[in-house]
C-alpha cells in the first residue's frame, strides 16, 4: 500500500491542481487556496521529476550495472553465512 501511495501522490496532486484551476485564477479567490495551489504545483513537479528519474535510472541499468553501488553485497553476506554454518 505504501508503494501505491508513493506512485499515486503525483496523480492526487494533479487532480487537485485541475480541480482548483479556476479558483487559482480568480482574482477574488482566497489567498490561502492560492498559496496551497502554488505549493502543490511545486511539489508535483519536483516529485514527478524525481520519480521519473528514479524509474529511468533503474530501467536503463536493469542488467545489474548499478550493483557496484550496493551497500550490502549479497554474495559476501551469503559467503559469511555459509562460513558460520
PDB file of N, CA and C in Angstrom:
ATOM      1  N   UNK A   1       0.821  -1.191   0.000  1.00  0.00           N
ATOM      2  CA  UNK A   1       0.000   0.000   0.000  1.00  0.00           C
ATOM      3  C   UNK A   1       0.874   1.268   0.000  1.00  0.00           C
ATOM      4  N   UNK A   2       2.013   1.177   0.678  1.00  0.00           N
ATOM      5  CA  UNK A   2       2.930   2.312   0.723  1.00  0.00           C
ATOM      6  C   UNK A   2       3.422   2.678  -0.677  1.00  0.00           C
ATOM      7  N   UNK A   3       3.807   1.659  -1.466  1.00  0.00           N
ATOM      8  CA  UNK A   3       4.320   1.913  -2.810  1.00  0.00           C
ATOM      9  C   UNK A   3       3.233   2.479  -3.718  1.00  0.00           C
ATOM     10  N   UNK A   4       2.017   2.013  -3.544  1.00  0.00           N
ATOM     11  CA  UNK A   4       0.905   2.564  -4.329  1.00  0.00           C
ATOM     12  C   UNK A   4       0.698   4.037  -3.984  1.00  0.00           C
ATOM     13  N   UNK A   5       0.873   4.380  -2.724  1.00  0.00           N
ATOM     14  CA  UNK A   5       0.757   5.774  -2.313  1.00  0.00           C
ATOM     15  C   UNK A   5       1.868   6.638  -2.879  1.00  0.00           C
ATOM     16  N   UNK A   6       3.074   6.091  -2.928  1.00  0.00           N
ATOM     17  CA  UNK A   6       4.205   6.844  -3.495  1.00  0.00           C
ATOM     18  C   UNK A   6       3.999   7.121  -4.979  1.00  0.00           C
ATOM     19  N   UNK A   7       3.489   6.140  -5.690  1.00  0.00           N
ATOM     20  CA  UNK A   7       3.235   6.327  -7.119  1.00  0.00           C
ATOM     21  C   UNK A   7       1.982   7.171  -7.334  1.00  0.00           C
ATOM     22  N   UNK A   8       1.014   7.063  -6.435  1.00  0.00           N
ATOM     23  CA  UNK A   8      -0.248   7.772  -6.595  1.00  0.00           C
ATOM     24  C   UNK A   8      -0.220   9.231  -6.174  1.00  0.00           C
ATOM     25  N   UNK A   9       0.802   9.644  -5.424  1.00  0.00           N
ATOM     26  CA  UNK A   9       0.853  11.029  -4.958  1.00  0.00           C
ATOM     27  C   UNK A   9       0.863  12.048  -6.094  1.00  0.00           C
ATOM     28  N   UNK A  10       1.658  11.864  -7.144  1.00  0.00           N
ATOM     29  CA  UNK A  10       1.587  12.842  -8.236  1.00  0.00           C
ATOM     30  C   UNK A  10       0.206  12.909  -8.885  1.00  0.00           C
ATOM     31  N   UNK A  11      -0.475  11.766  -8.975  1.00  0.00           N
ATOM     32  CA  UNK A  11      -1.828  11.767  -9.552  1.00  0.00           C
ATOM     33  C   UNK A  11      -2.783  12.545  -8.658  1.00  0.00           C
ATOM     34  N   UNK A  12      -2.657  12.382  -7.359  1.00  0.00           N
ATOM     35  CA  UNK A  12      -3.512  13.114  -6.426  1.00  0.00           C
ATOM     36  C   UNK A  12      -3.263  14.615  -6.537  1.00  0.00           C
ATOM     37  N   UNK A  13      -2.010  15.004  -6.592  1.00  0.00           N
ATOM     38  CA  UNK A  13      -1.687  16.423  -6.738  1.00  0.00           C
ATOM     39  C   UNK A  13      -2.171  16.968  -8.076  1.00  0.00           C
ATOM     40  N   UNK A  14      -2.041  16.183  -9.132  1.00  0.00           N
ATOM     41  CA  UNK A  14      -2.516  16.624 -10.447  1.00  0.00           C
ATOM     42  C   UNK A  14      -4.029  16.831 -10.434  1.00  0.00           C
ATOM     43  N   UNK A  15      -4.750  15.927  -9.801  1.00  0.00           N
ATOM     44  CA  UNK A  15      -6.208  16.081  -9.722  1.00  0.00           C
ATOM     45  C   UNK A  15      -6.580  17.319  -8.910  1.00  0.00           C
ATOM     46  N   UNK A  16      -5.834  17.595  -7.845  1.00  0.00           N
ATOM     47  CA  UNK A  16      -6.096  18.790  -7.054  1.00  0.00           C
ATOM     48  C   UNK A  16      -5.822  20.050  -7.873  1.00  0.00           C
ATOM     49  N   UNK A  17      -4.758  20.029  -8.662  1.00  0.00           N
ATOM     50  CA  UNK A  17      -4.441  21.186  -9.494  1.00  0.00           C
ATOM     51  C   UNK A  17      -5.525  21.432 -10.537  1.00  0.00           C
ATOM     52  N   UNK A  18      -6.058  20.382 -11.116  1.00  0.00           N
ATOM     53  CA  UNK A  18      -7.145  20.524 -12.091  1.00  0.00           C
ATOM     54  C   UNK A  18      -8.408  21.037 -11.402  1.00  0.00           C
ATOM     55  N   UNK A  19      -8.696  20.506 -10.226  1.00  0.00           N
ATOM     56  CA  UNK A  19      -9.926  20.865  -9.516  1.00  0.00           C
ATOM     57  C   UNK A  19      -9.928  22.344  -9.108  1.00  0.00           C
ATOM     58  N   UNK A  20      -8.786  22.854  -8.659  1.00  0.00           N
ATOM     59  CA  UNK A  20      -8.721  24.234  -8.177  1.00  0.00           C
ATOM     60  C   UNK A  20      -8.195  25.213  -9.227  1.00  0.00           C
ATOM     61  N   UNK A  21      -8.158  24.815 -10.483  1.00  0.00           N
ATOM     62  CA  UNK A  21      -7.640  25.672 -11.551  1.00  0.00           C
ATOM     63  C   UNK A  21      -8.380  27.011 -11.616  1.00  0.00           C
ATOM     64  N   UNK A  22      -9.702  26.970 -11.671  1.00  0.00           N
ATOM     65  CA  UNK A  22     -10.488  28.212 -11.772  1.00  0.00           C
ATOM     66  C   UNK A  22     -10.366  29.055 -10.511  1.00  0.00           C
ATOM     67  N   UNK A  23     -10.292  28.400  -9.374  1.00  0.00           N
ATOM     68  CA  UNK A  23     -10.160  29.124  -8.108  1.00  0.00           C
ATOM     69  C   UNK A  23      -8.818  29.861  -8.050  1.00  0.00           C
ATOM     70  N   UNK A  24      -7.784  29.267  -8.562  1.00  0.00           N
ATOM     71  CA  UNK A  24      -6.457  29.891  -8.530  1.00  0.00           C
ATOM     72  C   UNK A  24      -6.418  31.143  -9.403  1.00  0.00           C
ATOM     73  N   UNK A  25      -7.052  31.106 -10.557  1.00  0.00           N
ATOM     74  CA  UNK A  25      -7.001  32.238 -11.474  1.00  0.00           C
ATOM     75  C   UNK A  25      -8.065  33.291 -11.202  1.00  0.00           C
ATOM     76  N   UNK A  26      -8.949  33.036 -10.258  1.00  0.00           N
ATOM     77  CA  UNK A  26      -9.958  34.022  -9.881  1.00  0.00           C
ATOM     78  C   UNK A  26      -9.297  35.107  -9.020  1.00  0.00           C
ATOM     79  N   UNK A  27      -9.532  36.373  -9.365  1.00  0.00           N
ATOM     80  CA  UNK A  27      -8.895  37.474  -8.637  1.00  0.00           C
ATOM     81  C   UNK A  27      -9.445  37.637  -7.226  1.00  0.00           C
ATOM     82  N   UNK A  28     -10.658  37.185  -6.987  1.00  0.00           N
ATOM     83  CA  UNK A  28     -11.271  37.321  -5.667  1.00  0.00           C
ATOM     84  C   UNK A  28     -11.117  36.060  -4.818  1.00  0.00           C
ATOM     85  N   UNK A  29     -10.300  35.151  -5.261  1.00  0.00           N
ATOM     86  CA  UNK A  29     -10.134  33.881  -4.552  1.00  0.00           C
ATOM     87  C   UNK A  29      -9.339  34.085  -3.266  1.00  0.00           C
ATOM     88  N   UNK A  30      -9.481  33.124  -2.388  1.00  0.00           N
ATOM     89  CA  UNK A  30      -8.777  33.157  -1.115  1.00  0.00           C
ATOM     90  C   UNK A  30      -7.268  33.034  -1.338  1.00  0.00           C
ATOM     91  N   UNK A  31      -6.493  33.868  -0.660  1.00  0.00           N
ATOM     92  CA  UNK A  31      -5.033  33.756  -0.810  1.00  0.00           C
ATOM     93  C   UNK A  31      -4.482  32.451  -0.226  1.00  0.00           C
ATOM     94  N   UNK A  32      -5.204  31.865   0.696  1.00  0.00           N
ATOM     95  CA  UNK A  32      -4.770  30.587   1.266  1.00  0.00           C
ATOM     96  C   UNK A  32      -4.827  29.495   0.203  1.00  0.00           C
ATOM     97  N   UNK A  33      -5.912  29.471  -0.565  1.00  0.00           N
ATOM     98  CA  UNK A  33      -6.038  28.470  -1.626  1.00  0.00           C
ATOM     99  C   UNK A  33      -4.968  28.694  -2.691  1.00  0.00           C
ATOM    100  N   UNK A  34      -4.697  29.951  -3.015  1.00  0.00           N
ATOM    101  CA  UNK A  34      -3.654  30.240  -3.998  1.00  0.00           C
ATOM    102  C   UNK A  34      -2.285  29.779  -3.499  1.00  0.00           C
ATOM    103  N   UNK A  35      -2.039  29.963  -2.219  1.00  0.00           N
ATOM    104  CA  UNK A  35      -0.776  29.512  -1.640  1.00  0.00           C
ATOM    105  C   UNK A  35      -0.658  27.989  -1.699  1.00  0.00           C
ATOM    106  N   UNK A  36      -1.724  27.286  -1.329  1.00  0.00           N
ATOM    107  CA  UNK A  36      -1.716  25.822  -1.394  1.00  0.00           C
ATOM    108  C   UNK A  36      -1.557  25.339  -2.834  1.00  0.00           C
ATOM    109  N   UNK A  37      -2.164  26.065  -3.757  1.00  0.00           N
ATOM    110  CA  UNK A  37      -2.067  25.690  -5.169  1.00  0.00           C
ATOM    111  C   UNK A  37      -0.623  25.802  -5.656  1.00  0.00           C
ATOM    112  N   UNK A  38       0.039  26.895  -5.298  1.00  0.00           N
ATOM    113  CA  UNK A  38       1.433  27.079  -5.707  1.00  0.00           C
ATOM    114  C   UNK A  38       2.317  25.972  -5.140  1.00  0.00           C
ATOM    115  N   UNK A  39       2.139  25.667  -3.846  1.00  0.00           N
ATOM    116  CA  UNK A  39       2.954  24.618  -3.227  1.00  0.00           C
ATOM    117  C   UNK A  39       2.647  23.250  -3.821  1.00  0.00           C
ATOM    118  N   UNK A  40       1.390  22.998  -4.122  1.00  0.00           N
ATOM    119  CA  UNK A  40       1.032  21.714  -4.733  1.00  0.00           C
ATOM    120  C   UNK A  40       1.661  21.587  -6.113  1.00  0.00           C
ATOM    121  N   UNK A  41       1.698  22.672  -6.854  1.00  0.00           N
ATOM    122  CA  UNK A  41       2.325  22.640  -8.175  1.00  0.00           C
ATOM    123  C   UNK A  41       3.826  22.378  -8.066  1.00  0.00           C
ATOM    124  N   UNK A  42       4.482  23.048  -7.136  1.00  0.00           N
ATOM    125  CA  UNK A  42       5.921  22.852  -6.944  1.00  0.00           C
ATOM    126  C   UNK A  42       6.218  21.413  -6.523  1.00  0.00           C
ATOM    127  N   UNK A  43       5.462  20.903  -5.564  1.00  0.00           N
ATOM    128  CA  UNK A  43       5.669  19.528  -5.094  1.00  0.00           C
ATOM    129  C   UNK A  43       5.383  18.538  -6.218  1.00  0.00           C
ATOM    130  N   UNK A  44       4.343  18.795  -6.995  1.00  0.00           N
ATOM    131  CA  UNK A  44       4.011  17.917  -8.117  1.00  0.00           C
ATOM    132  C   UNK A  44       5.166  17.833  -9.110  1.00  0.00           C
ATOM    133  N   UNK A  45       5.724  18.964  -9.477  1.00  0.00           N
ATOM    134  CA  UNK A  45       6.817  18.980 -10.459  1.00  0.00           C
ATOM    135  C   UNK A  45       8.061  18.290  -9.898  1.00  0.00           C
ATOM    136  N   UNK A  46       8.445  18.635  -8.682  1.00  0.00           N
ATOM    137  CA  UNK A  46       9.652  18.047  -8.082  1.00  0.00           C
ATOM    138  C   UNK A  46       9.483  16.550  -7.893  1.00  0.00           C
ATOM    139  N   UNK A  47       8.343  16.134  -7.358  1.00  0.00           N
ATOM    140  CA  UNK A  47       8.112  14.714  -7.094  1.00  0.00           C
ATOM    141  C   UNK A  47       8.039  13.916  -8.394  1.00  0.00           C
ATOM    142  N   UNK A  48       7.397  14.469  -9.404  1.00  0.00           N
ATOM    143  CA  UNK A  48       7.284  13.771 -10.684  1.00  0.00           C
ATOM    144  C   UNK A  48       8.647  13.644 -11.362  1.00  0.00           C
ATOM    145  N   UNK A  49       9.453  14.687 -11.320  1.00  0.00           N
ATOM    146  CA  UNK A  49      10.793  14.619 -11.908  1.00  0.00           C
ATOM    147  C   UNK A  49      11.651  13.605 -11.154  1.00  0.00           C
ATOM    148  N   UNK A  50      11.581  13.605  -9.828  1.00  0.00           N
ATOM    149  CA  UNK A  50      12.359  12.643  -9.039  1.00  0.00           C
ATOM    150  C   UNK A  50      11.902  11.213  -9.304  1.00  0.00           C
ATOM    151  N   UNK A  51      10.599  10.996  -9.357  1.00  0.00           N
ATOM    152  CA  UNK A  51      10.075   9.653  -9.610  1.00  0.00           C
ATOM    153  C   UNK A  51      10.435   9.178 -11.015  1.00  0.00           C
ATOM    154  N   UNK A  52      10.333  10.063 -11.993  1.00  0.00           N
ATOM    155  CA  UNK A  52      10.696   9.695 -13.364  1.00  0.00           C
ATOM    156  C   UNK A  52      12.197   9.430 -13.481  1.00  0.00           C
ATOM    157  N   UNK A  53      13.006  10.210 -12.789  1.00  0.00           N
ATOM    158  CA  UNK A  53      14.450   9.974 -12.797  1.00  0.00           C
ATOM    159  C   UNK A  53      14.821   8.653 -12.155  1.00  0.00           C
ATOM    160  N   UNK A  54      14.183   8.351 -11.042  1.00  0.00           N
ATOM    161  CA  UNK A  54      14.422   7.071 -10.366  1.00  0.00           C
ATOM    162  C   UNK A  54      14.018   5.913 -11.267  1.00  0.00           C
ATOM    163  N   UNK A  55      12.856   6.024 -11.880  1.00  0.00           N
ATOM    164  CA  UNK A  55      12.368   4.963 -12.764  1.00  0.00           C
ATOM    165  C   UNK A  55      13.293   4.793 -13.971  1.00  0.00           C
ATOM    166  N   UNK A  56      13.696   5.902 -14.572  1.00  0.00           N
ATOM    167  CA  UNK A  56      14.567   5.831 -15.750  1.00  0.00           C
ATOM    168  C   UNK A  56      15.929   5.241 -15.400  1.00  0.00           C
ATOM    169  N   UNK A  57      16.455   5.589 -14.231  1.00  0.00           N
ATOM    170  CA  UNK A  57      17.748   5.044 -13.814  1.00  0.00           C
ATOM    171  C   UNK A  57      17.701   3.533 -13.721  1.00  0.00           C
ATOM    172  N   UNK A  58      16.687   3.009 -13.066  1.00  0.00           N
ATOM    173  CA  UNK A  58      16.614   1.567 -12.902  1.00  0.00           C
ATOM    174  C   UNK A  58      16.123   0.858 -14.160  1.00  0.00           C
ATOM    175  N   UNK A  59      15.497   1.572 -15.058  1.00  0.00           N
ATOM    176  CA  UNK A  59      15.126   0.983 -16.337  1.00  0.00           C
ATOM    177  C   UNK A  59      16.352   0.848 -17.243  1.00  0.00           C
ATOM    178  N   UNK A  60      17.188   1.862 -17.248  1.00  0.00           N
ATOM    179  CA  UNK A  60      18.386   1.837 -18.085  1.00  0.00           C
ATOM    180  C   UNK A  60      19.408   0.831 -17.551  1.00  0.00           C
ATOM    181  N   UNK A  61      19.574   0.778 -16.224  1.00  0.00           N
ATOM    182  CA  UNK A  61      20.583  -0.094 -15.619  1.00  0.00           C
ATOM    183  C   UNK A  61      19.965  -1.357 -15.035  1.00  0.00           C
ATOM    184  N   UNK A  62      18.981  -1.919 -15.702  1.00  0.00           N
ATOM    185  CA  UNK A  62      18.287  -3.087 -15.163  1.00  0.00           C
ATOM    186  C   UNK A  62      19.117  -4.364 -15.220  1.00  0.00           C
ATOM    187  N   UNK A  63      20.203  -4.368 -15.969  1.00  0.00           N
ATOM    188  CA  UNK A  63      21.022  -5.566 -16.107  1.00  0.00           C
ATOM    189  C   UNK A  63      22.069  -5.699 -15.009  1.00  0.00           C
ATOM    190  N   UNK A  64      22.011  -4.886 -13.998  1.00  0.00           N
ATOM    191  CA  UNK A  64      22.926  -5.012 -12.875  1.00  0.00           C
ATOM    192  C   UNK A  64      24.134  -4.109 -12.948  1.00  0.00           C
ATOM    193  N   UNK A  65      24.104  -3.106 -13.797  1.00  0.00           N
ATOM    194  CA  UNK A  65      25.242  -2.202 -13.917  1.00  0.00           C
ATOM    195  C   UNK A  65      25.430  -1.368 -12.656  1.00  0.00           C
ATOM    196  N   UNK A  66      24.389  -1.221 -11.861  1.00  0.00           N
ATOM    197  CA  UNK A  66      24.490  -0.452 -10.623  1.00  0.00           C
ATOM    198  C   UNK A  66      24.795  -1.329  -9.416  1.00  0.00           C
ATOM    199  N   UNK A  67      25.085  -2.593  -9.608  1.00  0.00           N
ATOM    200  CA  UNK A  67      25.314  -3.481  -8.472  1.00  0.00           C
ATOM    201  C   UNK A  67      26.563  -3.089  -7.691  1.00  0.00           C
ATOM    202  N   UNK A  68      27.485  -2.378  -8.302  1.00  0.00           N
ATOM    203  CA  UNK A  68      28.680  -1.938  -7.580  1.00  0.00           C
ATOM    204  C   UNK A  68      28.354  -0.858  -6.559  1.00  0.00           C
ATOM    205  N   UNK A  69      27.192  -0.238  -6.664  1.00  0.00           N
ATOM    206  CA  UNK A  69      26.783   0.786  -5.710  1.00  0.00           C
ATOM    207  C   UNK A  69      26.043   0.212  -4.512  1.00  0.00           C
ATOM    208  N   UNK A  70      25.895  -1.087  -4.466  1.00  0.00           N
ATOM    209  CA  UNK A  70      25.144  -1.727  -3.397  1.00  0.00           C
ATOM    210  C   UNK A  70      25.848  -1.542  -2.060  1.00  0.00           C
ATOM    211  N   UNK A  71      25.083  -1.179  -1.043  1.00  0.00           N
ATOM    212  CA  UNK A  71      25.639  -1.006   0.293  1.00  0.00           C
ATOM    213  C   UNK A  71      25.958  -2.365   0.903  1.00  0.00           C
ATOM    214  N   UNK A  72      25.086  -3.308   0.729  1.00  0.00           N
ATOM    215  CA  UNK A  72      25.271  -4.655   1.252  1.00  0.00           C
ATOM    216  C   UNK A  72      25.455  -5.595   0.076  1.00  0.00           C
ATOM    217  N   UNK A  73      26.612  -6.125  -0.052  1.00  0.00           N
ATOM    218  CA  UNK A  73      26.867  -7.060  -1.145  1.00  0.00           C
ATOM    219  C   UNK A  73      26.321  -8.420  -0.746  1.00  0.00           C
ATOM    220  N   UNK A  74      25.367  -8.899  -1.505  1.00  0.00           N
ATOM    221  CA  UNK A  74      24.679 -10.144  -1.174  1.00  0.00           C
ATOM    222  C   UNK A  74      25.629 -11.326  -1.205  1.00  0.00           C
ATOM    223  N   UNK A  75      26.526 -11.370  -2.159  1.00  0.00           N
ATOM    224  CA  UNK A  75      27.415 -12.527  -2.272  1.00  0.00           C
ATOM    225  C   UNK A  75      28.322 -12.640  -1.053  1.00  0.00           C
ATOM    226  N   UNK A  76      28.876 -11.523  -0.576  1.00  0.00           N
ATOM    227  CA  UNK A  76      29.750 -11.594   0.591  1.00  0.00           C
ATOM    228  C   UNK A  76      28.960 -11.929   1.848  1.00  0.00           C
ATOM    229  N   UNK A  77      27.723 -11.464   1.932  1.00  0.00           N
ATOM    230  CA  UNK A  77      26.897 -11.794   3.088  1.00  0.00           C
ATOM    231  C   UNK A  77      26.552 -13.276   3.079  1.00  0.00           C
ATOM    232  N   UNK A  78      26.270 -13.835   1.908  1.00  0.00           N
ATOM    233  CA  UNK A  78      25.965 -15.263   1.820  1.00  0.00           C
ATOM    234  C   UNK A  78      27.197 -16.107   2.124  1.00  0.00           C
ATOM    235  N   UNK A  79      28.358 -15.677   1.654  1.00  0.00           N
ATOM    236  CA  UNK A  79      29.586 -16.405   1.960  1.00  0.00           C
ATOM    237  C   UNK A  79      29.859 -16.399   3.459  1.00  0.00           C
ATOM    238  N   UNK A  80      29.610 -15.286   4.106  1.00  0.00           N
ATOM    239  CA  UNK A  80      29.804 -15.199   5.548  1.00  0.00           C
ATOM    240  C   UNK A  80      28.871 -16.158   6.271  1.00  0.00           C
ATOM    241  N   UNK A  81      27.616 -16.214   5.843  1.00  0.00           N
ATOM    242  CA  UNK A  81      26.659 -17.114   6.486  1.00  0.00           C
ATOM    243  C   UNK A  81      27.023 -18.574   6.253  1.00  0.00           C
ATOM    244  N   UNK A  82      27.567 -18.898   5.078  1.00  0.00           N
ATOM    245  CA  UNK A  82      27.986 -20.274   4.811  1.00  0.00           C
ATOM    246  C   UNK A  82      29.185 -20.654   5.667  1.00  0.00           C
ATOM    247  N   UNK A  83      30.096 -19.707   5.896  1.00  0.00           N
ATOM    248  CA  UNK A  83      31.263 -19.987   6.728  1.00  0.00           C
ATOM    249  C   UNK A  83      30.872 -20.194   8.185  1.00  0.00           C
ATOM    250  N   UNK A  84      29.868 -19.469   8.644  1.00  0.00           N
ATOM    251  CA  UNK A  84      29.417 -19.589  10.028  1.00  0.00           C
ATOM    252  C   UNK A  84      28.728 -20.925  10.243  1.00  0.00           C
ATOM    253  N   UNK A  85      27.961 -21.367   9.258  1.00  0.00           N
ATOM    254  CA  UNK A  85      27.197 -22.618   9.401  1.00  0.00           C
ATOM    255  C   UNK A  85      28.033 -23.811   9.175  1.00  0.00           C
TER     256      UNK A  85
END
